Amino acid sequence: MSNLKNRDSLVNPLLIVEVFSPSTEAYDRGEKFEYYRSLDSFSEYLLIAQDEIAADHFVKQDNIWTIREVEREVRLATIGCTLAFSQIYDRVEFGAEKEPHS
């Protein structure tokens, strides 16, 4: 394990939301997520792409993690919130082919 424990202070998180870049994606999905999973309270992880409209939603139920690719919106059960891509990427400019659907 890297120095992640020494750099970041997480106290009983339920949900962690991160924006990743192409250069951090492997770390965010790998070693960092492995560390987060060691936190007992942690049960929901949303990874949002920086360079395209895409996100993955990880949820722990009965100690098993599942992943769902977000299509238009994501329901974050731990905080009772639904986020649409149009909200997540508000004021982010992409080419016409990457515009979020309302």
Protein backbone atom coordinates (compact mmCIF):
# COMPACT_ATOMS: atom_id res chain seq x y z
CA MET A 1 0.00 0.00 0.00
CA SER A 2 1.27 3.46 -0.83
CA ASN A 3 1.31 6.46 1.47
CA LEU A 4 -2.41 6.93 0.85
CA LYS A 5 -3.20 6.51 4.54
CA ASN A 6 -0.76 9.29 5.42
CA ARG A 7 -1.98 11.73 2.75
CA ASP A 8 -5.73 11.44 3.02
CA SER A 9 -7.95 11.65 6.08
CA LEU A 10 -11.19 9.74 5.73
CA VAL A 11 -13.36 9.29 8.78
CA ASN A 12 -16.28 6.88 8.29
CA PRO A 13 -17.19 7.83 4.71
CA LEU A 14 -20.32 6.29 3.23
CA LEU A 15 -19.80 7.67 -0.27
CA ILE A 16 -16.71 8.80 -2.13
CA VAL A 17 -17.02 10.64 -5.45
CA GLU A 18 -13.93 11.15 -7.56
CA VAL A 19 -13.18 12.64 -10.94
CA PHE A 20 -10.43 10.75 -12.70
CA SER A 21 -8.21 11.62 -15.63
CA PRO A 22 -6.68 9.15 -18.06
CA SER A 23 -3.44 9.32 -16.04
CA THR A 24 -5.11 8.53 -12.67
CA GLU A 25 -7.80 6.06 -13.73
CA ALA A 26 -5.81 2.86 -13.08
CA TYR A 27 -4.76 4.07 -9.61
CA ASP A 28 -8.28 5.24 -8.71
CA ARG A 29 -9.81 1.91 -9.77
CA GLY A 30 -6.99 -0.16 -8.31
CA GLU A 31 -4.86 0.64 -5.29
CA LYS A 32 -6.92 3.59 -4.08
CA PHE A 33 -10.22 1.69 -4.34
CA GLU A 34 -8.61 -1.26 -2.55
CA TYR A 35 -7.73 1.04 0.35
CA TYR A 36 -11.21 2.60 0.40
CA ARG A 37 -12.80 -0.88 0.55
CA SER A 38 -10.92 -1.48 3.82
CA LEU A 39 -13.05 1.25 5.46
CA ASP A 40 -16.01 -0.42 7.20
CA SER A 41 -18.47 2.43 6.64
CA PHE A 42 -17.66 2.86 2.93
CA SER A 43 -20.38 1.44 0.69
CA GLU A 44 -20.66 3.61 -2.43
CA TYR A 45 -18.05 4.86 -4.92
CA LEU A 46 -18.73 7.05 -7.93
CA LEU A 47 -15.92 7.45 -10.46
CA ILE A 48 -16.49 10.23 -12.98
CA ALA A 49 -14.45 10.67 -16.16
CA GLN A 50 -12.83 14.04 -16.71
CA ASP A 51 -12.30 13.83 -20.46
CA GLU A 52 -15.59 12.28 -21.58
CA ILE A 53 -19.13 11.86 -20.34
CA ALA A 54 -18.86 8.59 -18.46
CA ALA A 55 -19.08 7.33 -14.90
CA ASP A 56 -19.05 4.05 -13.00
CA HIS A 57 -21.01 3.48 -9.81
CA PHE A 58 -19.79 0.87 -7.33
CA VAL A 59 -22.12 -0.27 -4.53
CA LYS A 60 -21.46 -2.65 -1.64
CA GLN A 61 -24.34 -4.87 -0.55
CA ASP A 62 -23.85 -7.80 1.80
CA ASN A 63 -20.08 -7.32 1.53
CA ILE A 64 -20.13 -7.77 -2.25
CA TRP A 65 -19.22 -4.92 -4.59
CA THR A 66 -21.15 -4.46 -7.83
CA ILE A 67 -20.45 -2.00 -10.62
CA ARG A 68 -22.88 -0.24 -12.90
CA GLU A 69 -21.98 2.01 -15.78
CA VAL A 70 -23.94 5.24 -15.41
CA GLU A 71 -26.00 6.05 -18.48
CA ARG A 72 -27.92 9.27 -17.79
CA GLU A 73 -28.22 9.58 -14.04
CA VAL A 74 -27.09 7.86 -10.87
CA ARG A 75 -28.98 7.29 -7.63
CA LEU A 76 -26.67 7.71 -4.62
CA ALA A 77 -28.60 5.79 -1.99
CA THR A 78 -26.24 6.58 0.90
CA ILE A 79 -27.11 10.28 0.71
CA GLY A 80 -30.57 10.07 -0.90
CA CYS A 81 -29.58 11.95 -4.04
CA THR A 82 -29.95 11.46 -7.78
CA LEU A 83 -27.45 13.12 -10.12
CA ALA A 84 -27.94 13.46 -13.86
CA PHE A 85 -25.03 13.76 -16.28
CA SER A 86 -26.42 17.19 -17.17
CA GLN A 87 -25.77 18.24 -13.54
CA ILE A 88 -22.41 16.50 -13.19
CA TYR A 89 -21.05 18.04 -16.39
CA ASP A 90 -22.80 21.41 -16.07
CA ARG A 91 -20.64 24.12 -17.69
CA VAL A 92 -18.15 21.55 -19.03
CA GLU A 93 -17.66 21.99 -22.75
CA PHE A 94 -17.28 18.91 -24.93
CA GLY A 95 -17.65 18.40 -28.66
CA ALA A 96 -21.23 18.00 -29.92
CA GLU A 97 -20.97 14.19 -29.88
CA LYS A 98 -20.29 14.20 -26.14
CA GLU A 99 -23.07 16.52 -24.96
CA PRO A 100 -25.11 15.01 -22.09
CA HIS A 101 -28.75 14.15 -22.71
CA SER A 102 -31.31 15.99 -20.61
